[in-house]
């Protein structure tokens, strides 16, 4: 990955605590974020080093809500569009759909 100055190397990922639908706490690391069509998306992984499986999450919270509410993007067309943007932003990361 590259830092803000464009130097290749490791850097700290932002860690966010999510609560699953079952009420379990899950720590995820934010690889990147973007906005498309007025909707915020984040690319997250469970791995602190940024390797491994990643998820694209969509902010579905209502305006003015204190906490953000995210859900996994599962629509193929929407996922392809957002993944394409993340691929361009993170040139050294390969994104593949399972």
Foldseek 3Di string as FASTA:
>chain_A
DADPVRDDDFDWFDWDWDADPVRDTAIWTWPDWDADPNWIWTWIDSDRRPDDDIFIWTFPDDPPDPDTDIDTDDPPVVCVVVVVVVCVVCVVDDDDDD
